[in-house]
Amino acid sequence: MSELALEDGPDFPAAAHEAAGGQVVYITEHGRRLAAIVPAELAEDIADAAAARAARASVEEGEALVPWEQVKAEAGLVTQWLTKSSSATKPERHSSR
């Protein structure tokens, strides 16, 4: 972890390379941390965590949930060959006795 002071005329390319190498680089002004340059994977994790917190909060506030079947259909994940009639039919079981 390193720090990059704005008042020193920051070297952003070097900071970006440090972040790409897995380091968090804090941008400071007069010794106070203002922001950070982070590895891309960490930024994605932070965005995912924020989205999860927002989703959890909306559920706690009583927002209606979207049924799983609707999510799959909207994402194009429903297979066309599977119909209600075929999914309602249970396969026959053969006894081994």
N, C-alpha and C. Protein backbone atom coordinates (compact mmCIF):
# COMPACT_ATOMS: atom_id res chain seq x y z
N MET A 1 0.86 -1.16 0.00
CA MET A 1 0.00 0.00 0.00
C MET A 1 0.91 1.22 0.00
N SER A 2 0.60 2.15 -0.90
CA SER A 2 1.40 3.36 -0.94
C SER A 2 0.49 4.57 -1.04
N GLU A 3 1.10 5.73 -0.99
CA GLU A 3 0.33 6.97 -1.06
C GLU A 3 0.89 7.85 -2.17
N LEU A 4 0.02 8.63 -2.78
CA LEU A 4 0.36 9.52 -3.86
C LEU A 4 -0.16 10.90 -3.50
N ALA A 5 0.72 11.84 -3.21
CA ALA A 5 0.32 13.18 -2.78
C ALA A 5 0.04 14.07 -3.98
N LEU A 6 -1.13 14.67 -4.00
CA LEU A 6 -1.50 15.57 -5.09
C LEU A 6 -0.55 16.76 -5.19
N GLU A 7 -0.15 17.27 -4.05
CA GLU A 7 0.70 18.46 -4.06
C GLU A 7 2.11 18.20 -4.61
N ASP A 8 2.49 16.94 -4.74
CA ASP A 8 3.81 16.61 -5.27
C ASP A 8 3.79 16.41 -6.78
N GLY A 9 2.69 16.75 -7.44
CA GLY A 9 2.59 16.51 -8.88
C GLY A 9 2.55 15.02 -9.13
N PRO A 10 1.39 14.42 -8.95
CA PRO A 10 1.28 12.96 -8.93
C PRO A 10 1.72 12.29 -10.22
N ASP A 11 2.27 11.14 -10.03
CA ASP A 11 2.69 10.29 -11.15
C ASP A 11 1.65 9.18 -11.31
N PHE A 12 0.55 9.52 -11.98
CA PHE A 12 -0.55 8.57 -12.10
C PHE A 12 -0.19 7.30 -12.86
N PRO A 13 0.62 7.37 -13.93
CA PRO A 13 0.96 6.11 -14.59
C PRO A 13 1.65 5.12 -13.66
N ALA A 14 2.56 5.60 -12.82
CA ALA A 14 3.24 4.70 -11.88
C ALA A 14 2.24 4.13 -10.87
N ALA A 15 1.32 4.98 -10.41
CA ALA A 15 0.30 4.52 -9.45
C ALA A 15 -0.61 3.48 -10.10
N ALA A 16 -0.95 3.70 -11.36
CA ALA A 16 -1.80 2.74 -12.06
C ALA A 16 -1.09 1.39 -12.20
N HIS A 17 0.20 1.42 -12.46
CA HIS A 17 0.96 0.17 -12.56
C HIS A 17 1.06 -0.53 -11.20
N GLU A 18 1.20 0.24 -10.14
CA GLU A 18 1.20 -0.35 -8.80
C GLU A 18 -0.14 -1.05 -8.54
N ALA A 19 -1.24 -0.39 -8.89
CA ALA A 19 -2.57 -0.96 -8.69
C ALA A 19 -2.74 -2.22 -9.54
N ALA A 20 -2.25 -2.17 -10.76
CA ALA A 20 -2.34 -3.35 -11.63
C ALA A 20 -1.57 -4.52 -11.03
N GLY A 21 -0.56 -4.21 -10.25
CA GLY A 21 0.22 -5.25 -9.58
C GLY A 21 -0.40 -5.72 -8.27
N GLY A 22 -1.58 -5.23 -7.96
CA GLY A 22 -2.29 -5.70 -6.76
C GLY A 22 -2.22 -4.77 -5.57
N GLN A 23 -1.59 -3.64 -5.71
CA GLN A 23 -1.45 -2.69 -4.61
C GLN A 23 -2.57 -1.66 -4.62
N VAL A 24 -2.95 -1.20 -3.44
CA VAL A 24 -3.88 -0.08 -3.31
C VAL A 24 -3.03 1.16 -3.13
N VAL A 25 -3.28 2.18 -3.96
CA VAL A 25 -2.54 3.44 -3.88
C VAL A 25 -3.51 4.52 -3.44
N TYR A 26 -3.25 5.12 -2.28
CA TYR A 26 -4.11 6.17 -1.76
C TYR A 26 -3.66 7.51 -2.32
N ILE A 27 -4.61 8.32 -2.78
CA ILE A 27 -4.32 9.67 -3.24
C ILE A 27 -4.60 10.59 -2.07
N THR A 28 -3.59 11.36 -1.70
CA THR A 28 -3.70 12.22 -0.52
C THR A 28 -3.54 13.68 -0.89
N GLU A 29 -4.08 14.52 -0.03
CA GLU A 29 -3.88 15.96 -0.15
C GLU A 29 -3.63 16.48 1.26
N HIS A 30 -2.45 17.05 1.45
CA HIS A 30 -2.03 17.53 2.77
C HIS A 30 -2.12 16.42 3.82
N GLY A 31 -1.75 15.20 3.41
CA GLY A 31 -1.73 14.07 4.32
C GLY A 31 -3.07 13.39 4.54
N ARG A 32 -4.14 13.92 3.96
CA ARG A 32 -5.48 13.34 4.14
C ARG A 32 -5.84 12.50 2.92
N ARG A 33 -6.27 11.26 3.14
CA ARG A 33 -6.66 10.38 2.03
C ARG A 33 -7.96 10.87 1.40
N LEU A 34 -7.92 11.06 0.08
CA LEU A 34 -9.09 11.53 -0.65
C LEU A 34 -9.75 10.42 -1.46
N ALA A 35 -8.92 9.56 -2.02
CA ALA A 35 -9.41 8.52 -2.91
C ALA A 35 -8.35 7.42 -2.98
N ALA A 36 -8.65 6.41 -3.79
CA ALA A 36 -7.68 5.33 -3.96
C ALA A 36 -7.71 4.82 -5.39
N ILE A 37 -6.56 4.38 -5.84
CA ILE A 37 -6.46 3.66 -7.10
C ILE A 37 -6.31 2.20 -6.69
N VAL A 38 -7.21 1.36 -7.17
CA VAL A 38 -7.24 -0.03 -6.73
C VAL A 38 -7.14 -0.96 -7.94
N PRO A 39 -6.72 -2.20 -7.72
CA PRO A 39 -6.72 -3.17 -8.80
C PRO A 39 -8.14 -3.33 -9.36
N ALA A 40 -8.24 -3.58 -10.67
CA ALA A 40 -9.54 -3.68 -11.32
C ALA A 40 -10.43 -4.74 -10.67
N GLU A 41 -9.86 -5.88 -10.31
CA GLU A 41 -10.66 -6.94 -9.68
C GLU A 41 -11.27 -6.47 -8.37
N LEU A 42 -10.51 -5.70 -7.60
CA LEU A 42 -11.03 -5.19 -6.33
C LEU A 42 -12.16 -4.19 -6.59
N ALA A 43 -12.01 -3.35 -7.60
CA ALA A 43 -13.07 -2.40 -7.95
C ALA A 43 -14.35 -3.14 -8.33
N GLU A 44 -14.20 -4.23 -9.09
CA GLU A 44 -15.37 -5.03 -9.47
C GLU A 44 -16.02 -5.66 -8.25
N ASP A 45 -15.20 -6.16 -7.32
CA ASP A 45 -15.74 -6.75 -6.09
C ASP A 45 -16.50 -5.71 -5.27
N ILE A 46 -15.95 -4.49 -5.22
CA ILE A 46 -16.61 -3.42 -4.47
C ILE A 46 -17.95 -3.08 -5.12
N ALA A 47 -17.98 -3.02 -6.46
CA ALA A 47 -19.23 -2.73 -7.17
C ALA A 47 -20.26 -3.84 -6.94
N ASP A 48 -19.81 -5.10 -6.97
CA ASP A 48 -20.71 -6.23 -6.71
C ASP A 48 -21.27 -6.17 -5.29
N ALA A 49 -20.43 -5.85 -4.32
CA ALA A 49 -20.87 -5.76 -2.93
C ALA A 49 -21.89 -4.64 -2.76
N ALA A 50 -21.66 -3.51 -3.44
CA ALA A 50 -22.61 -2.39 -3.36
C ALA A 50 -23.95 -2.77 -3.97
N ALA A 51 -23.92 -3.49 -5.09
CA ALA A 51 -25.16 -3.94 -5.73
C ALA A 51 -25.91 -4.93 -4.83
N ALA A 52 -25.17 -5.81 -4.17
CA ALA A 52 -25.79 -6.77 -3.25
C ALA A 52 -26.42 -6.06 -2.06
N ARG A 53 -25.73 -5.05 -1.52
CA ARG A 53 -26.31 -4.28 -0.40
C ARG A 53 -27.59 -3.57 -0.84
N ALA A 54 -27.58 -3.00 -2.04
CA ALA A 54 -28.76 -2.29 -2.54
C ALA A 54 -29.92 -3.27 -2.74
N ALA A 55 -29.63 -4.45 -3.28
CA ALA A 55 -30.68 -5.46 -3.48
C ALA A 55 -31.25 -5.92 -2.15
N ARG A 56 -30.36 -6.17 -1.18
CA ARG A 56 -30.82 -6.60 0.14
C ARG A 56 -31.70 -5.53 0.78
N ALA A 57 -31.32 -4.27 0.64
CA ALA A 57 -32.10 -3.17 1.21
C ALA A 57 -33.47 -3.07 0.56
N SER A 58 -33.55 -3.28 -0.76
CA SER A 58 -34.85 -3.19 -1.42
C SER A 58 -35.78 -4.32 -0.98
N VAL A 59 -35.21 -5.49 -0.73
CA VAL A 59 -36.03 -6.61 -0.22
C VAL A 59 -36.51 -6.30 1.19
N GLU A 60 -35.62 -5.76 2.02
CA GLU A 60 -36.00 -5.41 3.39
C GLU A 60 -37.06 -4.32 3.43
N GLU A 61 -37.08 -3.46 2.38
CA GLU A 61 -38.08 -2.40 2.30
C GLU A 61 -39.41 -2.90 1.74
N GLY A 62 -39.45 -4.20 1.39
CA GLY A 62 -40.71 -4.79 0.93
C GLY A 62 -40.91 -4.79 -0.57
N GLU A 63 -39.87 -4.46 -1.33
CA GLU A 63 -40.01 -4.48 -2.79
C GLU A 63 -40.26 -5.92 -3.24
N ALA A 64 -41.14 -6.06 -4.23
CA ALA A 64 -41.51 -7.39 -4.71
C ALA A 64 -40.32 -8.09 -5.35
N LEU A 65 -40.22 -9.38 -5.12
CA LEU A 65 -39.16 -10.18 -5.73
C LEU A 65 -39.58 -10.61 -7.13
N VAL A 66 -38.63 -10.80 -8.00
CA VAL A 66 -38.90 -11.27 -9.37
C VAL A 66 -38.79 -12.79 -9.34
N PRO A 67 -39.81 -13.49 -9.83
CA PRO A 67 -39.76 -14.95 -9.83
C PRO A 67 -38.59 -15.47 -10.69
N TRP A 68 -37.97 -16.56 -10.26
CA TRP A 68 -36.81 -17.12 -10.95
C TRP A 68 -37.13 -17.46 -12.39
N GLU A 69 -38.30 -18.02 -12.64
CA GLU A 69 -38.68 -18.36 -14.01
C GLU A 69 -38.69 -17.12 -14.91
N GLN A 70 -39.14 -15.99 -14.38
CA GLN A 70 -39.16 -14.75 -15.15
C GLN A 70 -37.73 -14.27 -15.44
N VAL A 71 -36.87 -14.38 -14.46
CA VAL A 71 -35.47 -13.97 -14.64
C VAL A 71 -34.84 -14.81 -15.75
N LYS A 72 -35.03 -16.14 -15.69
CA LYS A 72 -34.47 -17.02 -16.72
C LYS A 72 -35.02 -16.69 -18.09
N ALA A 73 -36.32 -16.44 -18.18
CA ALA A 73 -36.94 -16.13 -19.47
C ALA A 73 -36.41 -14.82 -20.03
N GLU A 74 -36.28 -13.79 -19.18
CA GLU A 74 -35.77 -12.50 -19.65
C GLU A 74 -34.31 -12.57 -20.05
N ALA A 75 -33.55 -13.51 -19.47
CA ALA A 75 -32.14 -13.66 -19.80
C ALA A 75 -31.94 -14.62 -20.97
N GLY A 76 -33.04 -15.19 -21.48
CA GLY A 76 -32.94 -16.12 -22.59
C GLY A 76 -32.41 -17.48 -22.19
N LEU A 77 -32.60 -17.86 -20.94
CA LEU A 77 -32.07 -19.12 -20.44
C LEU A 77 -33.08 -20.26 -20.44
N VAL A 78 -34.28 -20.00 -20.90
CA VAL A 78 -35.31 -21.03 -20.93
C VAL A 78 -35.13 -21.83 -22.21
N THR A 79 -35.02 -23.14 -22.06
CA THR A 79 -34.85 -23.99 -23.24
C THR A 79 -36.19 -24.16 -23.94
N GLN A 80 -36.16 -24.10 -25.24
CA GLN A 80 -37.39 -24.15 -26.03
C GLN A 80 -38.00 -25.54 -26.08
N TRP A 81 -37.20 -26.59 -25.96
CA TRP A 81 -37.73 -27.93 -26.09
C TRP A 81 -38.49 -28.40 -24.87
N LEU A 82 -38.29 -27.75 -23.75
CA LEU A 82 -38.97 -28.13 -22.52
C LEU A 82 -40.32 -27.42 -22.47
N THR A 83 -41.38 -28.20 -22.45
CA THR A 83 -42.71 -27.62 -22.39
C THR A 83 -43.34 -27.98 -21.07
N LYS A 84 -44.45 -27.33 -20.76
CA LYS A 84 -45.14 -27.61 -19.50
C LYS A 84 -45.59 -29.07 -19.46
N SER A 85 -46.07 -29.60 -20.59
CA SER A 85 -46.57 -30.98 -20.59
C SER A 85 -45.44 -31.97 -20.35
N SER A 86 -44.26 -31.72 -20.92
CA SER A 86 -43.17 -32.67 -20.71
C SER A 86 -42.58 -32.54 -19.31
N SER A 87 -42.61 -31.34 -18.74
CA SER A 87 -42.06 -31.18 -17.39
C SER A 87 -43.01 -31.73 -16.34
N ALA A 88 -44.29 -31.81 -16.69
CA ALA A 88 -45.27 -32.33 -15.74
C ALA A 88 -45.27 -33.85 -15.72
N THR A 89 -44.75 -34.48 -16.76
CA THR A 89 -44.73 -35.93 -16.85
C THR A 89 -43.50 -36.46 -16.12
N LYS A 90 -43.74 -37.33 -15.18
CA LYS A 90 -42.64 -37.90 -14.43
C LYS A 90 -42.13 -39.14 -15.16
N PRO A 91 -40.83 -39.35 -15.17
CA PRO A 91 -40.29 -40.55 -15.82
C PRO A 91 -40.74 -41.80 -15.07
N GLU A 92 -40.91 -42.87 -15.84
CA GLU A 92 -41.31 -44.14 -15.22
C GLU A 92 -40.14 -44.74 -14.48
N ARG A 93 -40.45 -45.34 -13.36
CA ARG A 93 -39.40 -46.01 -12.59
C ARG A 93 -39.56 -47.52 -12.79
N HIS A 94 -38.47 -48.16 -13.06
CA HIS A 94 -38.50 -49.60 -13.25
C HIS A 94 -37.90 -50.25 -12.02
N SER A 95 -38.58 -51.25 -11.54
CA SER A 95 -38.10 -51.96 -10.37
C SER A 95 -37.00 -52.94 -10.77
N SER A 96 -36.00 -53.03 -9.93
CA SER A 96 -34.90 -53.96 -10.22
C SER A 96 -35.16 -55.33 -9.63
N ARG A 97 -36.34 -55.52 -9.00
CA ARG A 97 -36.65 -56.82 -8.38
C ARG A 97 -37.25 -57.75 -9.35
